[in-house]
Amino acid sequence: MKLQVYGLNVPTSAALHSHAERRFHSALARILQRIGLVVVRVADLNGPRGGLDKRCDVRVQVVGGRTVTIRETDRCLYRAIDRAAGRARRIARETLRRQRSKRRRRPRRQLDVSRTPRPAITGESGDAQR
């Protein structure tokens, strides 16, 4: 898994980057080999005014599947990252489960009655009649 962290109107520090890396690595630990790239974008929507204005957008690329997009907003940027990591785990696992079930499904073959051999009819002596 490759992780990229970007900041829009928010400086990305080493602490923020290591927090995101720890959270996403632990959240996706069981399926790491099936995850290609995780892009985390953090932004401060209102600037210094405060409020629910820290946003975390996450894009997770599942190998051989689709790209999962998650958006979380909170007062604390670290909590938004934590919640996005939890949702990424649930959604990525569900995506992989759907891929597995689609691969396992096989079309049912219909029985062609005209090509089945007829059973032999036996008489009282046990010999087959023709």
N, C-alpha and C. Protein backbone atom coordinates (compact mmCIF):
# COMPACT_ATOMS: atom_id res chain seq x y z
N MET A 1 0.84 -1.17 0.00
CA MET A 1 0.00 0.00 0.00
C MET A 1 0.89 1.23 0.00
N LYS A 2 0.57 2.14 -0.87
CA LYS A 2 1.28 3.41 -0.93
C LYS A 2 0.34 4.50 -0.43
N LEU A 3 0.84 5.36 0.48
CA LEU A 3 0.02 6.40 1.08
C LEU A 3 0.57 7.77 0.71
N GLN A 4 -0.33 8.66 0.28
CA GLN A 4 0.02 10.04 -0.02
C GLN A 4 -0.90 10.95 0.77
N VAL A 5 -0.30 11.98 1.41
CA VAL A 5 -1.07 12.94 2.20
C VAL A 5 -0.86 14.32 1.63
N TYR A 6 -1.96 15.01 1.33
CA TYR A 6 -1.91 16.36 0.79
C TYR A 6 -2.72 17.29 1.70
N GLY A 7 -2.33 18.55 1.75
CA GLY A 7 -3.06 19.52 2.55
C GLY A 7 -3.52 20.69 1.70
N LEU A 8 -4.77 21.07 1.85
CA LEU A 8 -5.33 22.25 1.19
C LEU A 8 -5.69 23.25 2.30
N ASN A 9 -5.04 24.37 2.33
CA ASN A 9 -5.22 25.38 3.37
C ASN A 9 -4.80 24.89 4.76
N VAL A 10 -4.11 23.76 4.81
CA VAL A 10 -3.63 23.19 6.07
C VAL A 10 -2.20 22.72 5.83
N PRO A 11 -1.27 23.14 6.65
CA PRO A 11 0.09 22.61 6.50
C PRO A 11 0.14 21.16 6.98
N THR A 12 0.71 20.28 6.16
CA THR A 12 0.83 18.87 6.56
C THR A 12 2.16 18.69 7.27
N SER A 13 2.09 18.36 8.52
CA SER A 13 3.30 18.16 9.32
C SER A 13 3.69 16.68 9.28
N ALA A 14 4.86 16.41 9.81
CA ALA A 14 5.32 15.02 9.90
C ALA A 14 4.43 14.23 10.85
N ALA A 15 3.94 14.91 11.90
CA ALA A 15 3.05 14.23 12.85
C ALA A 15 1.73 13.84 12.19
N LEU A 16 1.18 14.72 11.37
CA LEU A 16 -0.06 14.42 10.66
C LEU A 16 0.13 13.27 9.68
N HIS A 17 1.25 13.30 8.97
CA HIS A 17 1.54 12.24 8.01
C HIS A 17 1.72 10.90 8.71
N SER A 18 2.45 10.87 9.82
CA SER A 18 2.66 9.60 10.52
C SER A 18 1.36 9.11 11.15
N HIS A 19 0.51 10.02 11.62
CA HIS A 19 -0.79 9.62 12.18
C HIS A 19 -1.65 8.96 11.10
N ALA A 20 -1.72 9.58 9.93
CA ALA A 20 -2.51 9.02 8.83
C ALA A 20 -1.94 7.67 8.41
N GLU A 21 -0.63 7.56 8.35
CA GLU A 21 0.00 6.31 7.94
C GLU A 21 -0.30 5.20 8.95
N ARG A 22 -0.19 5.51 10.24
CA ARG A 22 -0.48 4.52 11.28
C ARG A 22 -1.94 4.07 11.21
N ARG A 23 -2.86 5.02 11.12
CA ARG A 23 -4.28 4.68 11.11
C ARG A 23 -4.69 3.86 9.90
N PHE A 24 -4.25 4.26 8.73
CA PHE A 24 -4.65 3.52 7.53
C PHE A 24 -3.94 2.18 7.43
N HIS A 25 -2.71 2.11 7.90
CA HIS A 25 -2.00 0.83 7.88
C HIS A 25 -2.68 -0.16 8.82
N SER A 26 -3.06 0.28 10.01
CA SER A 26 -3.72 -0.64 10.94
C SER A 26 -5.15 -0.96 10.50
N ALA A 27 -5.84 0.00 9.90
CA ALA A 27 -7.21 -0.23 9.46
C ALA A 27 -7.26 -1.21 8.30
N LEU A 28 -6.29 -1.14 7.41
CA LEU A 28 -6.29 -1.99 6.21
C LEU A 28 -5.27 -3.12 6.30
N ALA A 29 -4.84 -3.47 7.51
CA ALA A 29 -3.75 -4.44 7.69
C ALA A 29 -4.06 -5.80 7.08
N ARG A 30 -5.29 -6.27 7.22
CA ARG A 30 -5.63 -7.60 6.73
C ARG A 30 -5.72 -7.67 5.21
N ILE A 31 -5.87 -6.53 4.54
CA ILE A 31 -6.04 -6.54 3.09
C ILE A 31 -4.99 -5.66 2.40
N LEU A 32 -3.85 -5.44 3.06
CA LEU A 32 -2.84 -4.53 2.50
C LEU A 32 -2.37 -4.94 1.11
N GLN A 33 -2.22 -6.24 0.86
CA GLN A 33 -1.72 -6.68 -0.44
C GLN A 33 -2.73 -6.44 -1.56
N ARG A 34 -3.97 -6.15 -1.21
CA ARG A 34 -5.00 -5.89 -2.22
C ARG A 34 -5.31 -4.41 -2.39
N ILE A 35 -4.57 -3.55 -1.68
CA ILE A 35 -4.76 -2.11 -1.77
C ILE A 35 -3.59 -1.52 -2.53
N GLY A 36 -3.87 -0.76 -3.57
CA GLY A 36 -2.81 -0.16 -4.37
C GLY A 36 -2.33 1.16 -3.83
N LEU A 37 -3.21 2.13 -3.76
CA LEU A 37 -2.84 3.49 -3.39
C LEU A 37 -3.93 4.08 -2.50
N VAL A 38 -3.49 4.81 -1.47
CA VAL A 38 -4.40 5.54 -0.60
C VAL A 38 -3.98 7.01 -0.65
N VAL A 39 -4.89 7.87 -1.09
CA VAL A 39 -4.61 9.31 -1.16
C VAL A 39 -5.49 10.00 -0.12
N VAL A 40 -4.84 10.73 0.80
CA VAL A 40 -5.55 11.45 1.86
C VAL A 40 -5.37 12.95 1.60
N ARG A 41 -6.50 13.66 1.49
CA ARG A 41 -6.46 15.11 1.32
C ARG A 41 -7.16 15.73 2.51
N VAL A 42 -6.45 16.61 3.20
CA VAL A 42 -7.02 17.29 4.36
C VAL A 42 -7.17 18.77 4.02
N ALA A 43 -8.24 19.37 4.54
CA ALA A 43 -8.51 20.78 4.24
C ALA A 43 -9.18 21.43 5.44
N ASP A 44 -8.94 22.73 5.57
CA ASP A 44 -9.63 23.54 6.56
C ASP A 44 -10.60 24.43 5.78
N LEU A 45 -11.88 24.15 5.91
CA LEU A 45 -12.88 24.81 5.06
C LEU A 45 -13.14 26.26 5.45
N ASN A 46 -13.19 26.55 6.76
CA ASN A 46 -13.54 27.90 7.21
C ASN A 46 -12.34 28.73 7.62
N GLY A 47 -11.17 28.19 7.58
CA GLY A 47 -9.99 28.94 8.01
C GLY A 47 -9.98 29.09 9.52
N PRO A 48 -9.61 30.25 10.05
CA PRO A 48 -9.49 30.42 11.49
C PRO A 48 -10.80 30.64 12.24
N ARG A 49 -11.94 30.59 11.56
CA ARG A 49 -13.22 30.87 12.21
C ARG A 49 -13.68 29.77 13.15
N GLY A 50 -13.20 28.54 12.99
CA GLY A 50 -13.59 27.44 13.87
C GLY A 50 -14.83 26.72 13.37
N GLY A 51 -15.31 25.77 14.16
CA GLY A 51 -16.50 25.01 13.79
C GLY A 51 -16.13 23.69 13.13
N LEU A 52 -17.15 23.00 12.65
CA LEU A 52 -16.95 21.73 11.96
C LEU A 52 -16.40 22.01 10.57
N ASP A 53 -15.12 22.26 10.50
CA ASP A 53 -14.60 22.72 9.23
C ASP A 53 -13.35 21.99 8.76
N LYS A 54 -12.92 20.97 9.46
CA LYS A 54 -11.76 20.19 9.00
C LYS A 54 -12.29 19.00 8.22
N ARG A 55 -11.84 18.87 6.99
CA ARG A 55 -12.34 17.81 6.13
C ARG A 55 -11.21 16.88 5.72
N CYS A 56 -11.52 15.61 5.66
CA CYS A 56 -10.57 14.59 5.23
C CYS A 56 -11.21 13.81 4.08
N ASP A 57 -10.65 13.93 2.90
CA ASP A 57 -11.10 13.17 1.73
C ASP A 57 -10.10 12.05 1.48
N VAL A 58 -10.60 10.86 1.32
CA VAL A 58 -9.74 9.69 1.14
C VAL A 58 -10.16 8.97 -0.13
N ARG A 59 -9.18 8.56 -0.91
CA ARG A 59 -9.42 7.75 -2.11
C ARG A 59 -8.58 6.49 -1.98
N VAL A 60 -9.23 5.34 -1.98
CA VAL A 60 -8.57 4.04 -1.84
C VAL A 60 -8.75 3.27 -3.14
N GLN A 61 -7.64 2.87 -3.75
CA GLN A 61 -7.71 2.06 -4.96
C GLN A 61 -7.56 0.60 -4.59
N VAL A 62 -8.59 -0.17 -4.84
CA VAL A 62 -8.58 -1.61 -4.59
C VAL A 62 -8.05 -2.28 -5.85
N VAL A 63 -7.04 -3.14 -5.70
CA VAL A 63 -6.42 -3.80 -6.84
C VAL A 63 -7.46 -4.67 -7.54
N GLY A 64 -7.58 -4.48 -8.84
CA GLY A 64 -8.54 -5.25 -9.62
C GLY A 64 -9.98 -4.84 -9.40
N GLY A 65 -10.19 -3.74 -8.77
CA GLY A 65 -11.56 -3.31 -8.47
C GLY A 65 -11.75 -1.84 -8.71
N ARG A 66 -12.64 -1.30 -7.96
CA ARG A 66 -12.97 0.10 -8.15
C ARG A 66 -12.23 0.97 -7.14
N THR A 67 -12.37 2.26 -7.30
CA THR A 67 -11.79 3.23 -6.38
C THR A 67 -12.87 3.67 -5.40
N VAL A 68 -12.55 3.60 -4.12
CA VAL A 68 -13.48 3.94 -3.05
C VAL A 68 -13.15 5.35 -2.59
N THR A 69 -14.16 6.21 -2.47
CA THR A 69 -13.97 7.59 -2.02
C THR A 69 -14.75 7.81 -0.73
N ILE A 70 -14.07 8.44 0.25
CA ILE A 70 -14.66 8.69 1.56
C ILE A 70 -14.43 10.14 1.92
N ARG A 71 -15.42 10.77 2.56
CA ARG A 71 -15.28 12.15 3.02
C ARG A 71 -15.79 12.24 4.46
N GLU A 72 -14.95 12.75 5.34
CA GLU A 72 -15.30 12.95 6.74
C GLU A 72 -15.01 14.39 7.14
N THR A 73 -15.86 14.97 7.98
CA THR A 73 -15.68 16.33 8.47
C THR A 73 -15.81 16.32 9.99
N ASP A 74 -14.90 17.06 10.66
CA ASP A 74 -14.91 17.12 12.12
C ASP A 74 -14.19 18.39 12.56
N ARG A 75 -14.32 18.71 13.85
CA ARG A 75 -13.56 19.84 14.40
C ARG A 75 -12.08 19.55 14.45
N CYS A 76 -11.76 18.31 14.78
CA CYS A 76 -10.37 17.88 14.91
C CYS A 76 -9.97 17.10 13.65
N LEU A 77 -8.89 17.51 13.06
CA LEU A 77 -8.41 16.86 11.84
C LEU A 77 -8.02 15.41 12.09
N TYR A 78 -7.44 15.14 13.24
CA TYR A 78 -7.02 13.78 13.58
C TYR A 78 -8.23 12.85 13.75
N ARG A 79 -9.30 13.34 14.32
CA ARG A 79 -10.52 12.52 14.44
C ARG A 79 -11.14 12.26 13.08
N ALA A 80 -11.10 13.24 12.20
CA ALA A 80 -11.62 13.05 10.85
C ALA A 80 -10.83 11.96 10.12
N ILE A 81 -9.52 11.94 10.32
CA ILE A 81 -8.68 10.90 9.71
C ILE A 81 -9.03 9.54 10.30
N ASP A 82 -9.22 9.48 11.63
CA ASP A 82 -9.57 8.22 12.28
C ASP A 82 -10.88 7.65 11.75
N ARG A 83 -11.89 8.50 11.66
CA ARG A 83 -13.19 8.04 11.16
C ARG A 83 -13.12 7.63 9.70
N ALA A 84 -12.35 8.36 8.90
CA ALA A 84 -12.20 8.00 7.48
C ALA A 84 -11.48 6.67 7.35
N ALA A 85 -10.51 6.39 8.20
CA ALA A 85 -9.80 5.10 8.15
C ALA A 85 -10.74 3.95 8.49
N GLY A 86 -11.59 4.15 9.48
CA GLY A 86 -12.56 3.11 9.83
C GLY A 86 -13.55 2.83 8.71
N ARG A 87 -14.03 3.88 8.09
CA ARG A 87 -14.96 3.69 6.96
C ARG A 87 -14.25 3.06 5.77
N ALA A 88 -12.98 3.43 5.56
CA ALA A 88 -12.22 2.84 4.45
C ALA A 88 -12.07 1.34 4.64
N ARG A 89 -11.83 0.92 5.88
CA ARG A 89 -11.71 -0.52 6.16
C ARG A 89 -13.01 -1.23 5.81
N ARG A 90 -14.13 -0.72 6.29
CA ARG A 90 -15.41 -1.39 6.03
C ARG A 90 -15.75 -1.44 4.55
N ILE A 91 -15.56 -0.33 3.86
CA ILE A 91 -15.95 -0.26 2.45
C ILE A 91 -15.01 -1.08 1.58
N ALA A 92 -13.70 -1.06 1.87
CA ALA A 92 -12.75 -1.84 1.08
C ALA A 92 -12.99 -3.34 1.26
N ARG A 93 -13.26 -3.77 2.48
CA ARG A 93 -13.55 -5.19 2.71
C ARG A 93 -14.82 -5.61 1.98
N GLU A 94 -15.84 -4.76 2.02
CA GLU A 94 -17.08 -5.07 1.31
C GLU A 94 -16.85 -5.15 -0.20
N THR A 95 -16.04 -4.25 -0.73
CA THR A 95 -15.72 -4.28 -2.16
C THR A 95 -15.00 -5.57 -2.53
N LEU A 96 -14.04 -5.98 -1.72
CA LEU A 96 -13.31 -7.22 -1.99
C LEU A 96 -14.21 -8.44 -1.85
N ARG A 97 -15.12 -8.41 -0.89
CA ARG A 97 -16.04 -9.53 -0.71
C ARG A 97 -16.96 -9.67 -1.94
N ARG A 98 -17.41 -8.55 -2.47
CA ARG A 98 -18.25 -8.60 -3.67
C ARG A 98 -17.48 -9.12 -4.86
N GLN A 99 -16.21 -8.73 -4.99
CA GLN A 99 -15.39 -9.23 -6.09
C GLN A 99 -15.24 -10.74 -5.99
N ARG A 100 -14.99 -11.26 -4.80
CA ARG A 100 -14.83 -12.70 -4.61
C ARG A 100 -16.10 -13.44 -4.95
N SER A 101 -17.24 -12.92 -4.51
CA SER A 101 -18.50 -13.62 -4.78
C SER A 101 -18.84 -13.59 -6.27
N LYS A 102 -18.46 -12.55 -6.98
CA LYS A 102 -18.71 -12.51 -8.42
C LYS A 102 -17.84 -13.52 -9.15
N ARG A 103 -16.59 -13.70 -8.68
CA ARG A 103 -15.72 -14.68 -9.31
C ARG A 103 -16.19 -16.10 -9.07
N ARG A 104 -16.77 -16.35 -7.91
CA ARG A 104 -17.19 -17.71 -7.56
C ARG A 104 -18.47 -18.13 -8.24
N ARG A 105 -19.30 -17.17 -8.59
CA ARG A 105 -20.56 -17.51 -9.25
C ARG A 105 -20.30 -18.03 -10.65
N ARG A 106 -20.91 -19.13 -10.96
CA ARG A 106 -20.80 -19.69 -12.31
C ARG A 106 -22.21 -19.83 -12.85
N PRO A 107 -22.37 -19.64 -14.14
CA PRO A 107 -23.72 -19.80 -14.70
C PRO A 107 -24.16 -21.26 -14.59
N ARG A 108 -25.41 -21.45 -14.27
CA ARG A 108 -25.95 -22.80 -14.16
C ARG A 108 -26.17 -23.38 -15.54
N ARG A 109 -25.75 -24.62 -15.68
CA ARG A 109 -25.97 -25.30 -16.95
C ARG A 109 -27.33 -25.96 -16.90
N GLN A 110 -28.06 -25.80 -17.97
CA GLN A 110 -29.37 -26.43 -18.04
C GLN A 110 -29.21 -27.84 -18.59
N LEU A 111 -30.00 -28.72 -18.06
CA LEU A 111 -29.94 -30.11 -18.47
C LEU A 111 -30.59 -30.25 -19.84
N ASP A 112 -29.84 -30.82 -20.80
CA ASP A 112 -30.36 -31.04 -22.14
C ASP A 112 -30.93 -32.45 -22.18
N VAL A 113 -32.25 -32.55 -22.17
CA VAL A 113 -32.92 -33.83 -22.08
C VAL A 113 -32.70 -34.66 -23.33
N SER A 114 -32.56 -34.05 -24.47
CA SER A 114 -32.42 -34.80 -25.72
C SER A 114 -31.09 -35.54 -25.80
N ARG A 115 -30.09 -35.15 -25.03
CA ARG A 115 -28.77 -35.78 -25.13
C ARG A 115 -28.51 -36.80 -24.02
N THR A 116 -29.45 -37.01 -23.13
CA THR A 116 -29.23 -37.97 -22.06
C THR A 116 -29.53 -39.38 -22.56
N PRO A 117 -28.70 -40.35 -22.17
CA PRO A 117 -28.96 -41.72 -22.64
C PRO A 117 -30.20 -42.30 -21.96
N ARG A 118 -30.89 -43.15 -22.70
CA ARG A 118 -32.09 -43.77 -22.15
C ARG A 118 -31.66 -44.94 -21.26
N PRO A 119 -32.37 -45.11 -20.16
CA PRO A 119 -32.02 -46.24 -19.29
C PRO A 119 -32.42 -47.56 -19.93
N ALA A 120 -31.64 -48.58 -19.63
CA ALA A 120 -31.94 -49.92 -20.17
C ALA A 120 -33.11 -50.51 -19.41
N ILE A 121 -33.98 -51.21 -20.14
CA ILE A 121 -35.14 -51.86 -19.51
C ILE A 121 -34.78 -53.31 -19.36
N THR A 122 -34.90 -53.79 -18.17
CA THR A 122 -34.54 -55.18 -17.92
C THR A 122 -35.79 -56.01 -17.75
N GLY A 123 -35.72 -57.25 -18.18
CA GLY A 123 -36.85 -58.17 -18.05
C GLY A 123 -36.75 -58.93 -16.74
N GLU A 124 -37.55 -60.03 -16.67
CA GLU A 124 -37.56 -60.81 -15.45
C GLU A 124 -36.26 -61.57 -15.26
N SER A 125 -35.62 -61.92 -16.35
CA SER A 125 -34.40 -62.71 -16.24
C SER A 125 -33.20 -61.84 -15.95
N GLY A 126 -33.39 -60.55 -15.97
CA GLY A 126 -32.30 -59.64 -15.67
C GLY A 126 -31.54 -59.21 -16.92
N ASP A 127 -31.91 -59.74 -18.10
CA ASP A 127 -31.25 -59.35 -19.34
C ASP A 127 -31.89 -58.09 -19.88
N ALA A 128 -31.11 -57.32 -20.58
CA ALA A 128 -31.63 -56.10 -21.18
C ALA A 128 -32.42 -56.43 -22.42
N GLN A 129 -33.59 -55.83 -22.58
CA GLN A 129 -34.41 -56.02 -23.78
C GLN A 129 -34.05 -54.95 -24.79
N ARG A 130 -34.20 -55.33 -26.05
CA ARG A 130 -33.88 -54.36 -27.10
C ARG A 130 -35.07 -53.99 -27.87
